[in-house]
Structures are given as structure tokens and as C-alpha cells.
Amino acid sequence: MVAIKRYLSDGVQRVLVPMWLEADRVADCRGEAGASVVWQDLHAAGEVSPTWVYSDRARGAGAQAMLYSSRSRPDLSHVVVFEPECLRLVGPVTDFIPPET
């Protein structure tokens, strides 16, 4: 929920797709504050997101995916996958029902 919280009021219907990441080369950017900034407003203003420096560097080094810390819960991590073939479906796709707020 942490990763999509800012989007839950947009009225878009979502599904949950349980997947397993099988990758040998994962860049670990957890704990690096610059990898976890809010980038959407910068992008909307035509600016380059500072987070892209991290992902560009990881891809350039051959990473298949990258871990980075959650802004609101630094004890949690997010993953961005550069090579989708590293993902394996592990369960049924289900409708996402947001919790009552």
C-alpha cells in the first residue's frame, strides 16, 4: 500500500499480480535518499527526475533490477525491474480493493 498510496484516490481500477523476482544482478540503492525522492512533480514540470540517475547507473552496470527505500517507510523497500523476463507469476491475479480510509 505504501508504494501506491498517492494514487488510490484517482478512481483507476487495479489488480494485484503476485510475482517472484529471479535476478542475479540487483543494484541495492536502499538508504540512498536521492533514490527515493518524489519525482512526479519534477517530471510534470519538464525536469529530469533525480531518481533516474540511480536507475540509469544501475542499468548501465548491467543490473536487472534495483532496490530502493520507501520514502514514507524507510524500513521497507521497493523494486524497479529493468528486465521483465526476470519476473515469474506465482499466483492468481486478483482485483485490488483499497482499504477503507
PDB file of N, CA and C in Angstrom:
ATOM      1  N   MET A   1       0.807  -1.199   0.000  1.00  0.00           N
ATOM      2  CA  MET A   1       0.000   0.000   0.000  1.00  0.00           C
ATOM      3  C   MET A   1       0.847   1.258   0.000  1.00  0.00           C
ATOM      4  N   VAL A   2       2.004   1.194   0.631  1.00  0.00           N
ATOM      5  CA  VAL A   2       2.837   2.384   0.745  1.00  0.00           C
ATOM      6  C   VAL A   2       3.183   2.933  -0.636  1.00  0.00           C
ATOM      7  N   ALA A   3       3.525   2.053  -1.564  1.00  0.00           N
ATOM      8  CA  ALA A   3       4.001   2.486  -2.885  1.00  0.00           C
ATOM      9  C   ALA A   3       2.926   3.153  -3.729  1.00  0.00           C
ATOM     10  N   ILE A   4       1.662   2.819  -3.513  1.00  0.00           N
ATOM     11  CA  ILE A   4       0.610   3.368  -4.381  1.00  0.00           C
ATOM     12  C   ILE A   4      -0.347   4.296  -3.647  1.00  0.00           C
ATOM     13  N   LYS A   5      -0.059   4.616  -2.413  1.00  0.00           N
ATOM     14  CA  LYS A   5      -0.972   5.421  -1.591  1.00  0.00           C
ATOM     15  C   LYS A   5      -1.405   6.719  -2.277  1.00  0.00           C
ATOM     16  N   ARG A   6      -0.468   7.416  -2.924  1.00  0.00           N
ATOM     17  CA  ARG A   6      -0.797   8.705  -3.539  1.00  0.00           C
ATOM     18  C   ARG A   6      -1.732   8.560  -4.735  1.00  0.00           C
ATOM     19  N   TYR A   7      -1.897   7.344  -5.257  1.00  0.00           N
ATOM     20  CA  TYR A   7      -2.731   7.129  -6.438  1.00  0.00           C
ATOM     21  C   TYR A   7      -4.129   6.585  -6.124  1.00  0.00           C
ATOM     22  N   LEU A   8      -4.373   6.194  -4.906  1.00  0.00           N
ATOM     23  CA  LEU A   8      -5.603   5.470  -4.586  1.00  0.00           C
ATOM     24  C   LEU A   8      -6.879   6.286  -4.761  1.00  0.00           C
ATOM     25  N   SER A   9      -6.782   7.585  -4.820  1.00  0.00           N
ATOM     26  CA  SER A   9      -7.987   8.404  -4.981  1.00  0.00           C
ATOM     27  C   SER A   9      -8.249   8.772  -6.440  1.00  0.00           C
ATOM     28  N   ASP A  10      -7.521   8.180  -7.392  1.00  0.00           N
ATOM     29  CA  ASP A  10      -7.674   8.562  -8.799  1.00  0.00           C
ATOM     30  C   ASP A  10      -8.787   7.816  -9.526  1.00  0.00           C
ATOM     31  N   GLY A  11      -9.443   6.859  -8.858  1.00  0.00           N
ATOM     32  CA  GLY A  11     -10.567   6.153  -9.460  1.00  0.00           C
ATOM     33  C   GLY A  11     -10.198   5.057 -10.441  1.00  0.00           C
ATOM     34  N   VAL A  12      -8.913   4.774 -10.601  1.00  0.00           N
ATOM     35  CA  VAL A  12      -8.464   3.734 -11.533  1.00  0.00           C
ATOM     36  C   VAL A  12      -8.588   2.368 -10.867  1.00  0.00           C
ATOM     37  N   GLN A  13      -9.201   1.422 -11.585  1.00  0.00           N
ATOM     38  CA  GLN A  13      -9.314   0.060 -11.070  1.00  0.00           C
ATOM     39  C   GLN A  13      -7.975  -0.644 -11.238  1.00  0.00           C
ATOM     40  N   ARG A  14      -7.540  -1.359 -10.205  1.00  0.00           N
ATOM     41  CA  ARG A  14      -6.244  -2.031 -10.226  1.00  0.00           C
ATOM     42  C   ARG A  14      -6.406  -3.509  -9.912  1.00  0.00           C
ATOM     43  N   VAL A  15      -5.378  -4.267 -10.275  1.00  0.00           N
ATOM     44  CA  VAL A  15      -5.322  -5.681  -9.936  1.00  0.00           C
ATOM     45  C   VAL A  15      -4.001  -5.963  -9.232  1.00  0.00           C
ATOM     46  N   LEU A  16      -3.993  -7.023  -8.449  1.00  0.00           N
ATOM     47  CA  LEU A  16      -2.766  -7.490  -7.797  1.00  0.00           C
ATOM     48  C   LEU A  16      -2.222  -8.657  -8.609  1.00  0.00           C
ATOM     49  N   VAL A  17      -0.947  -8.589  -8.934  1.00  0.00           N
ATOM     50  CA  VAL A  17      -0.298  -9.633  -9.719  1.00  0.00           C
ATOM     51  C   VAL A  17       0.882 -10.154  -8.902  1.00  0.00           C
ATOM     52  N   PRO A  18       0.702 -11.273  -8.198  1.00  0.00           N
ATOM     53  CA  PRO A  18       1.796 -11.794  -7.372  1.00  0.00           C
ATOM     54  C   PRO A  18       2.909 -12.369  -8.247  1.00  0.00           C
ATOM     55  N   MET A  19       4.124 -11.851  -8.046  1.00  0.00           N
ATOM     56  CA  MET A  19       5.253 -12.264  -8.870  1.00  0.00           C
ATOM     57  C   MET A  19       6.480 -12.482  -7.996  1.00  0.00           C
ATOM     58  N   TRP A  20       7.395 -13.275  -8.521  1.00  0.00           N
ATOM     59  CA  TRP A  20       8.663 -13.536  -7.867  1.00  0.00           C
ATOM     60  C   TRP A  20       9.755 -13.018  -8.789  1.00  0.00           C
ATOM     61  N   LEU A  21      10.704 -12.272  -8.230  1.00  0.00           N
ATOM     62  CA  LEU A  21      11.830 -11.755  -8.994  1.00  0.00           C
ATOM     63  C   LEU A  21      12.976 -12.756  -8.911  1.00  0.00           C
ATOM     64  N   GLU A  22      13.424 -13.224 -10.061  1.00  0.00           N
ATOM     65  CA  GLU A  22      14.568 -14.134 -10.132  1.00  0.00           C
ATOM     66  C   GLU A  22      15.659 -13.427 -10.923  1.00  0.00           C
ATOM     67  N   ALA A  23      16.541 -12.736 -10.199  1.00  0.00           N
ATOM     68  CA  ALA A  23      17.579 -11.935 -10.842  1.00  0.00           C
ATOM     69  C   ALA A  23      18.914 -12.136 -10.126  1.00  0.00           C
ATOM     70  N   ASP A  24      19.967 -12.202 -10.904  1.00  0.00           N
ATOM     71  CA  ASP A  24      21.311 -12.356 -10.354  1.00  0.00           C
ATOM     72  C   ASP A  24      21.982 -11.010 -10.110  1.00  0.00           C
ATOM     73  N   ARG A  25      21.536  -9.981 -10.849  1.00  0.00           N
ATOM     74  CA  ARG A  25      22.186  -8.674 -10.782  1.00  0.00           C
ATOM     75  C   ARG A  25      21.166  -7.614 -10.362  1.00  0.00           C
ATOM     76  N   VAL A  26      21.148  -7.330  -9.054  1.00  0.00           N
ATOM     77  CA  VAL A  26      20.216  -6.352  -8.494  1.00  0.00           C
ATOM     78  C   VAL A  26      21.022  -5.241  -7.817  1.00  0.00           C
ATOM     79  N   ALA A  27      20.834  -4.019  -8.289  1.00  0.00           N
ATOM     80  CA  ALA A  27      21.504  -2.873  -7.664  1.00  0.00           C
ATOM     81  C   ALA A  27      20.789  -2.538  -6.363  1.00  0.00           C
ATOM     82  N   ASP A  28      21.534  -2.335  -5.309  1.00  0.00           N
ATOM     83  CA  ASP A  28      20.958  -2.039  -3.998  1.00  0.00           C
ATOM     84  C   ASP A  28      21.201  -0.573  -3.656  1.00  0.00           C
ATOM     85  N   CYS A  29      20.165   0.237  -3.814  1.00  0.00           N
ATOM     86  CA  CYS A  29      20.252   1.677  -3.508  1.00  0.00           C
ATOM     87  C   CYS A  29      19.483   2.016  -2.237  1.00  0.00           C
ATOM     88  N   ARG A  30      19.166   1.005  -1.439  1.00  0.00           N
ATOM     89  CA  ARG A  30      18.477   1.268  -0.180  1.00  0.00           C
ATOM     90  C   ARG A  30      19.354   2.130   0.708  1.00  0.00           C
ATOM     91  N   GLY A  31      18.731   3.108   1.354  1.00  0.00           N
ATOM     92  CA  GLY A  31      19.451   4.015   2.232  1.00  0.00           C
ATOM     93  C   GLY A  31      20.015   5.243   1.530  1.00  0.00           C
ATOM     94  N   GLU A  32      19.928   5.279   0.210  1.00  0.00           N
ATOM     95  CA  GLU A  32      20.395   6.448  -0.539  1.00  0.00           C
ATOM     96  C   GLU A  32      19.198   7.366  -0.769  1.00  0.00           C
ATOM     97  N   ALA A  33      19.144   8.468  -0.038  1.00  0.00           N
ATOM     98  CA  ALA A  33      17.981   9.366  -0.050  1.00  0.00           C
ATOM     99  C   ALA A  33      17.630   9.853  -1.457  1.00  0.00           C
ATOM    100  N   GLY A  34      18.618  10.095  -2.301  1.00  0.00           N
ATOM    101  CA  GLY A  34      18.363  10.596  -3.647  1.00  0.00           C
ATOM    102  C   GLY A  34      17.617   9.622  -4.534  1.00  0.00           C
ATOM    103  N   ALA A  35      17.635   8.344  -4.179  1.00  0.00           N
ATOM    104  CA  ALA A  35      16.936   7.335  -4.973  1.00  0.00           C
ATOM    105  C   ALA A  35      15.460   7.255  -4.602  1.00  0.00           C
ATOM    106  N   SER A  36      15.048   7.975  -3.565  1.00  0.00           N
ATOM    107  CA  SER A  36      13.688   7.838  -3.041  1.00  0.00           C
ATOM    108  C   SER A  36      12.914   9.152  -2.981  1.00  0.00           C
ATOM    109  N   VAL A  37      13.254  10.102  -3.819  1.00  0.00           N
ATOM    110  CA  VAL A  37      12.555  11.390  -3.778  1.00  0.00           C
ATOM    111  C   VAL A  37      11.263  11.343  -4.588  1.00  0.00           C
ATOM    112  N   VAL A  38      10.350  12.268  -4.290  1.00  0.00           N
ATOM    113  CA  VAL A  38       9.127  12.410  -5.081  1.00  0.00           C
ATOM    114  C   VAL A  38       9.535  13.022  -6.419  1.00  0.00           C
ATOM    115  N   TRP A  39       9.287  12.303  -7.498  1.00  0.00           N
ATOM    116  CA  TRP A  39       9.759  12.749  -8.806  1.00  0.00           C
ATOM    117  C   TRP A  39       8.637  13.196  -9.741  1.00  0.00           C
ATOM    118  N   GLN A  40       7.394  12.846  -9.445  1.00  0.00           N
ATOM    119  CA  GLN A  40       6.291  13.093 -10.370  1.00  0.00           C
ATOM    120  C   GLN A  40       6.113  14.572 -10.693  1.00  0.00           C
ATOM    121  N   ASP A  41       6.188  15.439  -9.691  1.00  0.00           N
ATOM    122  CA  ASP A  41       6.009  16.869  -9.925  1.00  0.00           C
ATOM    123  C   ASP A  41       7.152  17.442 -10.756  1.00  0.00           C
ATOM    124  N   LEU A  42       8.375  16.967 -10.506  1.00  0.00           N
ATOM    125  CA  LEU A  42       9.518  17.407 -11.305  1.00  0.00           C
ATOM    126  C   LEU A  42       9.334  17.004 -12.771  1.00  0.00           C
ATOM    127  N   HIS A  43       8.913  15.766 -12.965  1.00  0.00           N
ATOM    128  CA  HIS A  43       8.688  15.265 -14.325  1.00  0.00           C
ATOM    129  C   HIS A  43       7.592  16.066 -15.026  1.00  0.00           C
ATOM    130  N   ALA A  44       6.505  16.351 -14.320  1.00  0.00           N
ATOM    131  CA  ALA A  44       5.403  17.133 -14.895  1.00  0.00           C
ATOM    132  C   ALA A  44       5.861  18.537 -15.294  1.00  0.00           C
ATOM    133  N   ALA A  45       6.871  19.059 -14.599  1.00  0.00           N
ATOM    134  CA  ALA A  45       7.396  20.392 -14.903  1.00  0.00           C
ATOM    135  C   ALA A  45       8.463  20.349 -15.993  1.00  0.00           C
ATOM    136  N   GLY A  46       8.695  19.168 -16.563  1.00  0.00           N
ATOM    137  CA  GLY A  46       9.666  19.035 -17.638  1.00  0.00           C
ATOM    138  C   GLY A  46      11.091  18.836 -17.175  1.00  0.00           C
ATOM    139  N   GLU A  47      11.268  18.605 -15.896  1.00  0.00           N
ATOM    140  CA  GLU A  47      12.611  18.394 -15.357  1.00  0.00           C
ATOM    141  C   GLU A  47      12.939  16.901 -15.328  1.00  0.00           C
ATOM    142  N   VAL A  48      14.215  16.605 -15.282  1.00  0.00           N
ATOM    143  CA  VAL A  48      14.664  15.221 -15.172  1.00  0.00           C
ATOM    144  C   VAL A  48      14.607  14.812 -13.707  1.00  0.00           C
ATOM    145  N   SER A  49      14.052  13.657 -13.458  1.00  0.00           N
ATOM    146  CA  SER A  49      13.960  13.167 -12.084  1.00  0.00           C
ATOM    147  C   SER A  49      15.333  12.789 -11.555  1.00  0.00           C
ATOM    148  N   PRO A  50      15.670  13.223 -10.334  1.00  0.00           N
ATOM    149  CA  PRO A  50      16.953  12.818  -9.759  1.00  0.00           C
ATOM    150  C   PRO A  50      17.036  11.305  -9.531  1.00  0.00           C
ATOM    151  N   THR A  51      15.903  10.647  -9.405  1.00  0.00           N
ATOM    152  CA  THR A  51      15.922   9.191  -9.207  1.00  0.00           C
ATOM    153  C   THR A  51      16.413   8.464 -10.449  1.00  0.00           C
ATOM    154  N   TRP A  52      16.259   9.084 -11.608  1.00  0.00           N
ATOM    155  CA  TRP A  52      16.672   8.434 -12.853  1.00  0.00           C
ATOM    156  C   TRP A  52      18.186   8.275 -12.928  1.00  0.00           C
ATOM    157  N   VAL A  53      18.921   9.120 -12.222  1.00  0.00           N
ATOM    158  CA  VAL A  53      20.376   8.966 -12.177  1.00  0.00           C
ATOM    159  C   VAL A  53      20.729   7.595 -11.614  1.00  0.00           C
ATOM    160  N   TYR A  54      20.006   7.201 -10.564  1.00  0.00           N
ATOM    161  CA  TYR A  54      20.252   5.901  -9.934  1.00  0.00           C
ATOM    162  C   TYR A  54      19.871   4.751 -10.863  1.00  0.00           C
ATOM    163  N   SER A  55      18.696   4.839 -11.471  1.00  0.00           N
ATOM    164  CA  SER A  55      18.277   3.745 -12.345  1.00  0.00           C
ATOM    165  C   SER A  55      19.137   3.678 -13.606  1.00  0.00           C
ATOM    166  N   ASP A  56      19.514   4.837 -14.168  1.00  0.00           N
ATOM    167  CA  ASP A  56      20.393   4.835 -15.343  1.00  0.00           C
ATOM    168  C   ASP A  56      21.745   4.202 -15.006  1.00  0.00           C
ATOM    169  N   ARG A  57      22.270   4.541 -13.830  1.00  0.00           N
ATOM    170  CA  ARG A  57      23.549   3.973 -13.396  1.00  0.00           C
ATOM    171  C   ARG A  57      23.428   2.456 -13.212  1.00  0.00           C
ATOM    172  N   ALA A  58      22.338   2.020 -12.597  1.00  0.00           N
ATOM    173  CA  ALA A  58      22.143   0.581 -12.365  1.00  0.00           C
ATOM    174  C   ALA A  58      22.031  -0.172 -13.690  1.00  0.00           C
ATOM    175  N   ARG A  59      21.217   0.340 -14.609  1.00  0.00           N
ATOM    176  CA  ARG A  59      21.089  -0.311 -15.923  1.00  0.00           C
ATOM    177  C   ARG A  59      22.419  -0.325 -16.661  1.00  0.00           C
ATOM    178  N   GLY A  60      23.150   0.790 -16.574  1.00  0.00           N
ATOM    179  CA  GLY A  60      24.449   0.869 -17.230  1.00  0.00           C
ATOM    180  C   GLY A  60      25.447  -0.143 -16.696  1.00  0.00           C
ATOM    181  N   ALA A  61      25.290  -0.518 -15.430  1.00  0.00           N
ATOM    182  CA  ALA A  61      26.166  -1.520 -14.813  1.00  0.00           C
ATOM    183  C   ALA A  61      25.661  -2.944 -15.048  1.00  0.00           C
ATOM    184  N   GLY A  62      24.547  -3.076 -15.791  1.00  0.00           N
ATOM    185  CA  GLY A  62      24.031  -4.402 -16.110  1.00  0.00           C
ATOM    186  C   GLY A  62      23.009  -4.956 -15.137  1.00  0.00           C
ATOM    187  N   ALA A  63      22.488  -4.123 -14.246  1.00  0.00           N
ATOM    188  CA  ALA A  63      21.504  -4.607 -13.273  1.00  0.00           C
ATOM    189  C   ALA A  63      20.203  -4.992 -13.972  1.00  0.00           C
ATOM    190  N   GLN A  64      19.600  -6.048 -13.482  1.00  0.00           N
ATOM    191  CA  GLN A  64      18.296  -6.490 -13.972  1.00  0.00           C
ATOM    192  C   GLN A  64      17.161  -5.816 -13.201  1.00  0.00           C
ATOM    193  N   ALA A  65      17.490  -5.315 -12.010  1.00  0.00           N
ATOM    194  CA  ALA A  65      16.509  -4.669 -11.131  1.00  0.00           C
ATOM    195  C   ALA A  65      17.271  -3.793 -10.139  1.00  0.00           C
ATOM    196  N   MET A  66      16.507  -2.981  -9.416  1.00  0.00           N
ATOM    197  CA  MET A  66      17.118  -2.092  -8.432  1.00  0.00           C
ATOM    198  C   MET A  66      16.204  -1.993  -7.212  1.00  0.00           C
ATOM    199  N   LEU A  67      16.795  -2.092  -6.033  1.00  0.00           N
ATOM    200  CA  LEU A  67      16.082  -1.891  -4.773  1.00  0.00           C
ATOM    201  C   LEU A  67      16.319  -0.465  -4.296  1.00  0.00           C
ATOM    202  N   TYR A  68      15.271   0.153  -3.730  1.00  0.00           N
ATOM    203  CA  TYR A  68      15.434   1.470  -3.117  1.00  0.00           C
ATOM    204  C   TYR A  68      14.466   1.583  -1.952  1.00  0.00           C
ATOM    205  N   SER A  69      14.790   2.456  -1.003  1.00  0.00           N
ATOM    206  CA  SER A  69      14.000   2.601   0.219  1.00  0.00           C
ATOM    207  C   SER A  69      12.711   3.366  -0.043  1.00  0.00           C
ATOM    208  N   SER A  70      11.675   3.004   0.699  1.00  0.00           N
ATOM    209  CA  SER A  70      10.420   3.750   0.682  1.00  0.00           C
ATOM    210  C   SER A  70      10.648   5.104   1.360  1.00  0.00           C
ATOM    211  N   ARG A  71      10.081   6.168   0.785  1.00  0.00           N
ATOM    212  CA  ARG A  71      10.205   7.492   1.407  1.00  0.00           C
ATOM    213  C   ARG A  71       9.493   7.544   2.750  1.00  0.00           C
ATOM    214  N   SER A  72       8.260   7.048   2.774  1.00  0.00           N
ATOM    215  CA  SER A  72       7.458   7.181   3.985  1.00  0.00           C
ATOM    216  C   SER A  72       7.741   6.085   5.011  1.00  0.00           C
ATOM    217  N   ARG A  73       8.305   4.968   4.556  1.00  0.00           N
ATOM    218  CA  ARG A  73       8.652   3.861   5.465  1.00  0.00           C
ATOM    219  C   ARG A  73      10.027   3.334   5.080  1.00  0.00           C
ATOM    220  N   PRO A  74      11.096   4.008   5.491  1.00  0.00           N
ATOM    221  CA  PRO A  74      12.447   3.595   5.086  1.00  0.00           C
ATOM    222  C   PRO A  74      12.817   2.173   5.473  1.00  0.00           C
ATOM    223  N   ASP A  75      12.043   1.566   6.380  1.00  0.00           N
ATOM    224  CA  ASP A  75      12.305   0.176   6.745  1.00  0.00           C
ATOM    225  C   ASP A  75      11.782  -0.780   5.672  1.00  0.00           C
ATOM    226  N   LEU A  76      11.018  -0.246   4.706  1.00  0.00           N
ATOM    227  CA  LEU A  76      10.512  -1.048   3.595  1.00  0.00           C
ATOM    228  C   LEU A  76      11.285  -0.709   2.327  1.00  0.00           C
ATOM    229  N   SER A  77      11.286  -1.630   1.383  1.00  0.00           N
ATOM    230  CA  SER A  77      11.982  -1.421   0.118  1.00  0.00           C
ATOM    231  C   SER A  77      11.026  -1.584  -1.047  1.00  0.00           C
ATOM    232  N   HIS A  78      11.341  -0.880  -2.132  1.00  0.00           N
ATOM    233  CA  HIS A  78      10.634  -1.027  -3.404  1.00  0.00           C
ATOM    234  C   HIS A  78      11.630  -1.616  -4.390  1.00  0.00           C
ATOM    235  N   VAL A  79      11.104  -2.189  -5.453  1.00  0.00           N
ATOM    236  CA  VAL A  79      11.967  -2.717  -6.508  1.00  0.00           C
ATOM    237  C   VAL A  79      11.481  -2.189  -7.848  1.00  0.00           C
ATOM    238  N   VAL A  80      12.417  -1.806  -8.690  1.00  0.00           N
ATOM    239  CA  VAL A  80      12.112  -1.458 -10.069  1.00  0.00           C
ATOM    240  C   VAL A  80      12.803  -2.528 -10.917  1.00  0.00           C
ATOM    241  N   VAL A  81      12.059  -3.082 -11.856  1.00  0.00           N
ATOM    242  CA  VAL A  81      12.568  -4.183 -12.672  1.00  0.00           C
ATOM    243  C   VAL A  81      12.888  -3.660 -14.067  1.00  0.00           C
ATOM    244  N   PHE A  82      14.114  -3.868 -14.505  1.00  0.00           N
ATOM    245  CA  PHE A  82      14.546  -3.427 -15.825  1.00  0.00           C
ATOM    246  C   PHE A  82      14.354  -4.518 -16.882  1.00  0.00           C
ATOM    247  N   GLU A  83      14.373  -5.777 -16.455  1.00  0.00           N
ATOM    248  CA  GLU A  83      14.229  -6.906 -17.369  1.00  0.00           C
ATOM    249  C   GLU A  83      13.020  -7.733 -16.929  1.00  0.00           C
ATOM    250  N   PRO A  84      11.842  -7.488 -17.532  1.00  0.00           N
ATOM    251  CA  PRO A  84      10.618  -8.175 -17.097  1.00  0.00           C
ATOM    252  C   PRO A  84      10.682  -9.693 -17.184  1.00  0.00           C
ATOM    253  N   GLU A  85      11.572 -10.230 -18.012  1.00  0.00           N
ATOM    254  CA  GLU A  85      11.686 -11.683 -18.098  1.00  0.00           C
ATOM    255  C   GLU A  85      12.222 -12.296 -16.806  1.00  0.00           C
ATOM    256  N   CYS A  86      12.669 -11.461 -15.870  1.00  0.00           N
ATOM    257  CA  CYS A  86      13.114 -11.938 -14.557  1.00  0.00           C
ATOM    258  C   CYS A  86      11.946 -12.161 -13.599  1.00  0.00           C
ATOM    259  N   LEU A  87      10.747 -11.813 -14.027  1.00  0.00           N
ATOM    260  CA  LEU A  87       9.566 -11.963 -13.173  1.00  0.00           C
ATOM    261  C   LEU A  87       8.826 -13.249 -13.516  1.00  0.00           C
ATOM    262  N   ARG A  88       8.359 -13.939 -12.469  1.00  0.00           N
ATOM    263  CA  ARG A  88       7.597 -15.171 -12.653  1.00  0.00           C
ATOM    264  C   ARG A  88       6.284 -15.039 -11.882  1.00  0.00           C
ATOM    265  N   LEU A  89       5.186 -15.287 -12.564  1.00  0.00           N
ATOM    266  CA  LEU A  89       3.866 -15.266 -11.928  1.00  0.00           C
ATOM    267  C   LEU A  89       3.791 -16.399 -10.909  1.00  0.00           C
ATOM    268  N   VAL A  90       3.350 -16.091  -9.678  1.00  0.00           N
ATOM    269  CA  VAL A  90       3.316 -17.117  -8.633  1.00  0.00           C
ATOM    270  C   VAL A  90       1.934 -17.309  -8.016  1.00  0.00           C
ATOM    271  N   GLY A  91       0.945 -16.667  -8.558  1.00  0.00           N
ATOM    272  CA  GLY A  91      -0.396 -16.829  -8.001  1.00  0.00           C
ATOM    273  C   GLY A  91      -1.421 -16.181  -8.901  1.00  0.00           C
ATOM    274  N   PRO A  92      -2.665 -16.304  -8.548  1.00  0.00           N
ATOM    275  CA  PRO A  92      -3.717 -15.747  -9.390  1.00  0.00           C
ATOM    276  C   PRO A  92      -3.769 -14.216  -9.321  1.00  0.00           C
ATOM    277  N   VAL A  93      -4.109 -13.599 -10.436  1.00  0.00           N
ATOM    278  CA  VAL A  93      -4.337 -12.159 -10.494  1.00  0.00           C
ATOM    279  C   VAL A  93      -5.692 -11.898  -9.845  1.00  0.00           C
ATOM    280  N   THR A  94      -5.750 -10.949  -8.927  1.00  0.00           N
ATOM    281  CA  THR A  94      -7.000 -10.658  -8.229  1.00  0.00           C
ATOM    282  C   THR A  94      -7.287  -9.152  -8.278  1.00  0.00           C
ATOM    283  N   ASP A  95      -8.543  -8.817  -8.142  1.00  0.00           N
ATOM    284  CA  ASP A  95      -8.918  -7.405  -8.084  1.00  0.00           C
ATOM    285  C   ASP A  95      -8.336  -6.790  -6.806  1.00  0.00           C
ATOM    286  N   PHE A  96      -7.876  -5.567  -6.926  1.00  0.00           N
ATOM    287  CA  PHE A  96      -7.365  -4.839  -5.777  1.00  0.00           C
ATOM    288  C   PHE A  96      -8.505  -4.006  -5.208  1.00  0.00           C
ATOM    289  N   ILE A  97      -8.784  -4.219  -3.952  1.00  0.00           N
ATOM    290  CA  ILE A  97      -9.827  -3.450  -3.266  1.00  0.00           C
ATOM    291  C   ILE A  97      -9.131  -2.630  -2.199  1.00  0.00           C
ATOM    292  N   PRO A  98      -9.067  -1.296  -2.410  1.00  0.00           N
ATOM    293  CA  PRO A  98      -8.371  -0.464  -1.423  1.00  0.00           C
ATOM    294  C   PRO A  98      -9.076  -0.503  -0.078  1.00  0.00           C
ATOM    295  N   PRO A  99      -8.303  -0.428   0.992  1.00  0.00           N
ATOM    296  CA  PRO A  99      -8.921  -0.427   2.330  1.00  0.00           C
ATOM    297  C   PRO A  99      -9.686   0.854   2.556  1.00  0.00           C
ATOM    298  N   GLU A 100     -10.661   0.792   3.421  1.00  0.00           N
ATOM    299  CA  GLU A 100     -11.416   1.990   3.813  1.00  0.00           C
ATOM    300  C   GLU A 100     -10.467   2.921   4.553  1.00  0.00           C
ATOM    301  N   THR A 101     -10.548   4.213   4.271  1.00  0.00           N
ATOM    302  CA  THR A 101      -9.677   5.152   4.976  1.00  0.00           C
ATOM    303  C   THR A 101     -10.407   5.896   6.058  1.00  0.00           C
TER     304      THR A 101
END
